[in-house]
Amino acid sequence: MNQSEKSLFNKKIYCVDCGAELNPEHHILEDKQNDESYRTFGNHIEDLIDYLKLILIKPVSFFKNSEEINKKSAISFLILLYVIGYILDYICFFVFNYLPSANLSPPLWFNIYTYTIITFLRASIVHSLIYYFLRGNPRFWSTAKILCFEQAPRIFLIIPVLEYPIFIWSMILQILGLSEVHKISKVKASFITFIDFGIFIVIRYFISSYLENFLRLRGQLI
């Protein structure tokens, strides 16, 4: 985020036509989508940092304006988050002999592919529940982007004993996101989120069990 963007957080912005106060986060997110320079890898990292700040510090404002973010940016955010997490896992494992979040045996591409697929499977379930039972936003990507961005707290998984607080933090972000984007109550958003995370825990358990058995069998064969 450059100096001019940072200054937006320190002053109020008003519409030149009607004089109404405008939301600064809206302009930051909108500018990122219209700026072609954000297609480089370095700018994707810069986007990741900026999005992390907004999601973790001002989640309600972020999700109110999340419609301005295109799906490619959301997917890039998710993948970069997994890549950074994987790198941090390696650092913790080889330097501190501590493994924060996942088994390092599967290759990076497999972890990214698996968890990205899981994220969009979850998004399909959540969107179906909200659209058909609560008449929420009909656009699937509105829901999918929430499930990409709610994983922002994963960046702190390198800190010991924070796995469960981060899990709860992600749930809270998802509740806020669903409530803002789909215009439903936080109680209804909480109910949908609990269903989603329950399914996620079951899926993760079966995948972990499968990988554990596969790696054990491969070790026996070798």
Protein backbone atom coordinates (compact mmCIF):
# COMPACT_ATOMS: atom_id res chain seq x y z
CA MET A 1 0.00 0.00 0.00
CA ASN A 2 1.56 3.31 -1.04
CA GLN A 3 1.65 6.51 1.01
CA SER A 4 -1.37 8.03 -0.71
CA GLU A 5 -3.47 4.94 0.11
CA LYS A 6 -2.33 4.96 3.73
CA SER A 7 -3.35 8.59 4.04
CA LEU A 8 -6.92 7.60 3.15
CA PHE A 9 -7.27 5.98 6.58
CA ASN A 10 -6.37 9.26 8.30
CA LYS A 11 -8.85 11.60 6.65
CA LYS A 12 -12.46 11.65 5.54
CA ILE A 13 -13.41 11.55 1.85
CA TYR A 14 -16.50 13.24 0.44
CA CYS A 15 -18.36 12.88 -2.84
CA VAL A 16 -17.74 15.88 -5.11
CA ASP A 17 -21.33 15.72 -6.40
CA CYS A 18 -23.48 15.30 -3.29
CA GLY A 19 -21.07 15.93 -0.43
CA ALA A 20 -21.76 12.57 1.24
CA GLU A 21 -18.95 10.93 3.20
CA LEU A 22 -17.38 8.02 1.33
CA ASN A 23 -15.80 4.82 2.63
CA PRO A 24 -11.99 4.93 2.05
CA GLU A 25 -11.67 1.14 1.92
CA HIS A 26 -14.05 1.13 -1.03
CA HIS A 27 -11.68 3.26 -3.08
CA ILE A 28 -8.61 1.24 -2.13
CA LEU A 29 -10.26 -2.02 -3.25
CA GLU A 30 -11.73 -0.47 -6.39
CA ASP A 31 -8.41 1.11 -7.42
CA LYS A 32 -6.67 -2.24 -7.10
CA GLN A 33 -9.06 -3.82 -9.56
CA ASN A 34 -8.63 -1.04 -12.12
CA ASP A 35 -4.84 -0.80 -11.87
CA GLU A 36 -3.17 -3.07 -14.45
CA SER A 37 0.16 -2.91 -12.56
CA TYR A 38 -1.30 -5.29 -9.93
CA ARG A 39 -0.79 -8.24 -12.27
CA THR A 40 2.89 -8.74 -11.36
CA PHE A 41 3.92 -11.21 -8.66
CA GLY A 42 5.31 -8.43 -6.46
CA ASN A 43 2.05 -6.55 -6.65
CA HIS A 44 0.12 -9.72 -5.76
CA ILE A 45 2.23 -9.90 -2.59
CA GLU A 46 1.46 -6.23 -1.95
CA ASP A 47 -2.24 -6.97 -2.45
CA LEU A 48 -1.99 -9.86 0.00
CA ILE A 49 -0.52 -7.62 2.68
CA ASP A 50 -3.09 -4.87 2.08
CA TYR A 51 -6.00 -7.30 2.13
CA LEU A 52 -4.68 -8.91 5.32
CA LYS A 53 -4.59 -5.53 7.04
CA LEU A 54 -8.14 -4.69 6.01
CA ILE A 55 -9.58 -8.14 6.81
CA LEU A 56 -7.93 -8.45 10.22
CA ILE A 57 -8.36 -4.81 11.33
CA LYS A 58 -11.59 -3.70 9.64
CA PRO A 59 -13.42 -6.88 8.58
CA VAL A 60 -16.91 -5.36 8.37
CA SER A 61 -15.76 -2.54 6.09
CA PHE A 62 -13.77 -5.01 4.00
CA PHE A 63 -16.67 -7.40 3.42
CA LYS A 64 -19.06 -4.52 2.69
CA ASN A 65 -16.84 -3.65 -0.28
CA SER A 66 -15.75 -7.17 -1.22
CA GLU A 67 -18.00 -7.11 -4.29
CA GLU A 68 -15.42 -4.76 -5.82
CA ILE A 69 -12.77 -7.49 -5.67
CA ASN A 70 -12.60 -9.76 -8.70
CA LYS A 71 -12.42 -13.54 -8.39
CA LYS A 72 -8.82 -13.73 -9.67
CA SER A 73 -7.64 -11.54 -6.79
CA ALA A 74 -9.50 -13.73 -4.28
CA ILE A 75 -7.98 -16.92 -5.68
CA SER A 76 -4.49 -15.33 -5.77
CA PHE A 77 -4.94 -14.32 -2.14
CA LEU A 78 -5.89 -17.86 -1.15
CA ILE A 79 -3.02 -19.52 -3.03
CA LEU A 80 -0.39 -17.06 -1.78
CA LEU A 81 -1.67 -17.58 1.76
CA TYR A 82 -1.14 -21.34 1.40
CA VAL A 83 2.31 -20.88 -0.16
CA ILE A 84 3.47 -18.55 2.61
CA GLY A 85 2.01 -20.87 5.23
CA TYR A 86 3.83 -23.83 3.71
CA ILE A 87 7.13 -21.93 3.70
CA LEU A 88 6.63 -20.88 7.32
CA ASP A 89 5.87 -24.51 8.19
CA TYR A 90 9.23 -25.53 6.75
CA ILE A 91 11.04 -22.79 8.67
CA CYS A 92 9.39 -23.80 11.95
CA PHE A 93 10.03 -27.50 11.34
CA PHE A 94 13.70 -27.28 10.42
CA VAL A 95 14.68 -24.39 12.69
CA PHE A 96 12.51 -24.93 15.77
CA ASN A 97 11.48 -28.58 15.26
CA TYR A 98 7.85 -27.46 15.46
CA LEU A 99 5.19 -28.22 12.85
CA PRO A 100 2.34 -25.68 13.08
CA SER A 101 -0.41 -26.79 10.75
CA ALA A 102 0.18 -29.62 8.29
CA ASN A 103 2.22 -32.63 7.33
CA LEU A 104 5.13 -31.58 5.11
CA SER A 105 5.27 -34.93 3.32
CA PRO A 106 2.74 -34.05 0.57
CA PRO A 107 4.26 -31.65 -1.99
CA LEU A 108 3.27 -27.99 -2.04
CA TRP A 109 1.23 -28.28 -5.25
CA PHE A 110 -0.81 -31.12 -3.72
CA ASN A 111 -1.63 -29.10 -0.58
CA ILE A 112 -2.61 -26.05 -2.62
CA TYR A 113 -4.75 -28.08 -5.01
CA THR A 114 -6.46 -30.04 -2.23
CA TYR A 115 -7.29 -27.11 0.05
CA THR A 116 -8.38 -24.92 -2.87
CA ILE A 117 -10.80 -27.64 -4.00
CA ILE A 118 -12.06 -28.01 -0.42
CA THR A 119 -12.58 -24.26 -0.17
CA PHE A 120 -14.76 -24.18 -3.28
CA LEU A 121 -16.66 -27.29 -2.24
CA ARG A 122 -17.43 -25.51 1.02
CA ALA A 123 -18.41 -22.39 -0.92
CA SER A 124 -20.85 -24.46 -3.02
CA ILE A 125 -22.50 -25.89 0.08
CA VAL A 126 -22.68 -22.55 1.89
CA HIS A 127 -24.00 -20.72 -1.17
CA SER A 128 -26.66 -23.36 -1.81
CA LEU A 129 -27.88 -23.17 1.78
CA ILE A 130 -28.02 -19.37 1.80
CA TYR A 131 -29.53 -18.96 -1.66
CA TYR A 132 -32.20 -21.64 -1.51
CA PHE A 133 -33.21 -21.30 2.15
CA LEU A 134 -32.42 -17.66 2.98
CA ARG A 135 -32.70 -16.02 -0.46
CA GLY A 136 -29.28 -14.43 -0.23
CA ASN A 137 -27.08 -12.96 -2.94
CA PRO A 138 -27.51 -15.15 -6.07
CA ARG A 139 -23.90 -14.73 -7.23
CA PHE A 140 -21.77 -17.77 -6.31
CA TRP A 141 -18.52 -15.80 -6.35
CA SER A 142 -19.86 -13.46 -3.68
CA THR A 143 -19.84 -16.45 -1.34
CA ALA A 144 -16.64 -18.02 -2.68
CA LYS A 145 -14.66 -14.82 -2.06
CA ILE A 146 -15.79 -14.78 1.57
CA LEU A 147 -14.46 -18.31 2.09
CA CYS A 148 -11.17 -17.29 0.49
CA PHE A 149 -10.72 -14.21 2.64
CA GLU A 150 -11.94 -15.69 5.94
CA GLN A 151 -8.76 -17.79 5.97
CA ALA A 152 -6.60 -14.70 6.55
CA PRO A 153 -5.85 -15.62 10.21
CA ARG A 154 -3.95 -18.70 8.93
CA ILE A 155 -0.96 -16.39 8.59
CA PHE A 156 -0.56 -16.67 12.38
CA LEU A 157 -0.48 -20.48 12.49
CA ILE A 158 3.29 -20.37 13.03
CA ILE A 159 2.60 -19.24 16.61
CA PRO A 160 2.26 -22.26 18.95
CA VAL A 161 -1.10 -23.00 20.66
CA LEU A 162 -2.98 -20.57 18.38
CA GLU A 163 -4.61 -23.17 16.15
CA TYR A 164 -7.98 -23.16 17.94
CA PRO A 165 -8.18 -19.36 18.44
CA ILE A 166 -7.38 -18.95 14.72
CA PHE A 167 -10.09 -21.49 13.87
CA ILE A 168 -12.61 -19.43 15.88
CA TRP A 169 -11.31 -16.19 14.37
CA SER A 170 -11.90 -17.56 10.87
CA MET A 171 -15.44 -18.54 11.84
CA ILE A 172 -16.14 -15.02 13.10
CA LEU A 173 -14.82 -13.52 9.86
CA GLN A 174 -17.02 -15.85 7.84
CA ILE A 175 -20.07 -14.90 9.89
CA LEU A 176 -19.37 -11.20 9.36
CA GLY A 177 -18.77 -11.74 5.65
CA LEU A 178 -21.92 -13.77 5.06
CA SER A 179 -23.99 -11.31 7.05
CA GLU A 180 -22.72 -8.29 5.12
CA VAL A 181 -22.67 -9.74 1.60
CA HIS A 182 -25.93 -11.69 1.76
CA LYS A 183 -27.78 -9.20 3.98
CA ILE A 184 -28.80 -11.83 6.53
CA SER A 185 -28.72 -11.70 10.32
CA LYS A 186 -25.59 -12.74 12.17
CA VAL A 187 -27.61 -15.51 13.87
CA LYS A 188 -28.47 -17.05 10.49
CA ALA A 189 -24.91 -16.50 9.26
CA SER A 190 -23.64 -18.25 12.41
CA PHE A 191 -25.92 -21.24 11.80
CA ILE A 192 -24.67 -21.61 8.21
CA THR A 193 -21.06 -21.20 9.35
CA PHE A 194 -21.37 -23.92 12.00
CA ILE A 195 -22.74 -26.32 9.39
CA ASP A 196 -19.93 -25.41 7.01
CA PHE A 197 -17.14 -25.83 9.55
CA GLY A 198 -18.64 -29.09 10.78
CA ILE A 199 -18.54 -30.48 7.23
CA PHE A 200 -15.01 -29.09 6.81
CA ILE A 201 -13.79 -30.89 9.95
CA VAL A 202 -15.21 -34.19 8.68
CA ILE A 203 -13.66 -33.75 5.21
CA ARG A 204 -10.31 -32.78 6.70
CA TYR A 205 -10.38 -35.81 9.00
CA PHE A 206 -10.94 -38.23 6.12
CA ILE A 207 -8.29 -36.58 3.95
CA SER A 208 -5.76 -36.67 6.82
CA SER A 209 -6.56 -40.34 7.49
CA TYR A 210 -6.18 -41.18 3.80
CA LEU A 211 -2.84 -39.35 3.54
CA GLU A 212 -1.57 -40.98 6.71
CA ASN A 213 -2.42 -44.47 5.43
CA PHE A 214 -1.03 -43.70 1.97
CA LEU A 215 2.28 -42.39 3.33
CA ARG A 216 2.56 -45.37 5.73
CA LEU A 217 1.94 -47.80 2.86
CA ARG A 218 4.45 -45.99 0.64
CA GLY A 219 7.02 -46.22 3.43
CA GLN A 220 6.44 -49.97 3.74
CA LEU A 221 6.78 -50.46 -0.01
CA ILE A 222 10.02 -48.47 -0.11
